[in-house]
């Protein structure tokens, strides 16, 4: 009686699915890092916008719009 190998060779489709899953995991991790970076940048820009508002009252409408947008980014 011939002993058959219980472990089957992976098909090309299975290999593609494994690569796709690995890419999805890497992309998800990258997106998390980018979102964290975006929040930090938004916080720094919000501070700069607040300083500009103090020294340039004429830009107050623009500063208010930027602040609202950046606060939305930080909340998301």
Protein backbone atom coordinates (compact mmCIF):
# COMPACT_ATOMS: atom_id res chain seq x y z
CA UNK A 1 0.00 0.00 0.00
CA UNK A 2 1.37 3.38 -0.99
CA UNK A 3 1.31 6.09 1.65
CA UNK A 4 -0.22 9.20 0.16
CA UNK A 5 0.83 12.61 1.24
CA UNK A 6 -2.00 14.01 3.35
CA UNK A 7 -0.87 17.56 2.68
CA UNK A 8 -2.10 18.83 -0.66
CA UNK A 9 -0.19 21.31 -2.73
CA UNK A 10 -1.71 24.77 -2.71
CA UNK A 11 -3.37 25.84 -5.91
CA UNK A 12 -2.48 29.10 -7.62
CA UNK A 13 -5.86 30.47 -6.54
CA UNK A 14 -5.08 29.73 -2.89
CA UNK A 15 -1.72 31.44 -3.26
CA UNK A 16 -3.39 34.50 -4.78
CA UNK A 17 -5.91 34.63 -1.93
CA UNK A 18 -3.13 34.40 0.65
CA UNK A 19 -1.22 37.25 -1.02
CA UNK A 20 -4.42 39.31 -1.23
CA UNK A 21 -5.14 38.73 2.47
CA UNK A 22 -1.60 39.78 3.38
CA UNK A 23 -1.97 42.92 1.27
CA UNK A 24 -5.28 43.78 2.94
CA UNK A 25 -3.71 43.43 6.39
CA UNK A 26 -0.76 45.63 5.37
CA UNK A 27 -3.05 48.23 3.82
CA UNK A 28 -5.25 48.32 6.93
CA UNK A 29 -2.20 48.87 9.11
CA UNK A 30 -0.96 51.63 6.80
CA UNK A 31 -4.35 53.33 6.85
CA UNK A 32 -4.35 53.28 10.65
CA UNK A 33 -0.92 54.90 10.70
CA UNK A 34 -1.96 57.54 8.17
CA UNK A 35 -5.12 58.37 10.12
CA UNK A 36 -3.05 58.82 13.28
CA UNK A 37 -0.62 61.05 11.41
CA UNK A 38 -3.48 63.08 9.95
CA UNK A 39 -4.91 63.65 13.43
CA UNK A 40 -1.54 64.86 14.72
CA UNK A 41 -1.09 67.18 11.75
CA UNK A 42 -4.62 68.50 12.25
CA UNK A 43 -3.82 69.24 15.88
CA UNK A 44 -0.65 71.16 14.97
CA UNK A 45 -2.43 73.09 12.21
CA UNK A 46 -5.24 73.91 14.64
CA UNK A 47 -2.71 75.44 17.03
CA UNK A 48 -1.12 77.45 14.21
CA UNK A 49 -4.55 78.64 13.07
CA UNK A 50 -5.36 79.76 16.62
CA UNK A 51 -2.11 81.74 16.79
CA UNK A 52 -2.85 83.35 13.40
CA UNK A 53 -6.32 84.28 14.66
CA UNK A 54 -4.80 86.11 17.62
CA UNK A 55 -2.40 88.16 15.52
CA UNK A 56 -4.59 88.67 12.42
CA UNK A 57 -8.21 89.38 13.40
CA UNK A 58 -9.07 90.16 9.76
CA UNK A 59 -8.66 86.48 8.91
CA UNK A 60 -11.20 85.41 11.53
CA UNK A 61 -13.81 83.96 9.08
CA UNK A 62 -11.13 81.87 7.36
CA UNK A 63 -9.75 80.79 10.72
CA UNK A 64 -13.23 79.76 11.91
CA UNK A 65 -13.80 77.67 8.78
CA UNK A 66 -10.40 75.99 9.07
CA UNK A 67 -10.95 75.29 12.76
CA UNK A 68 -14.32 73.67 12.11
CA UNK A 69 -12.83 71.47 9.40
CA UNK A 70 -9.86 70.43 11.51
CA UNK A 71 -12.05 69.66 14.51
CA UNK A 72 -14.13 67.37 12.31
CA UNK A 73 -10.96 65.56 11.24
CA UNK A 74 -9.85 65.13 14.85
CA UNK A 75 -13.25 63.76 15.91
CA UNK A 76 -13.46 61.17 13.14
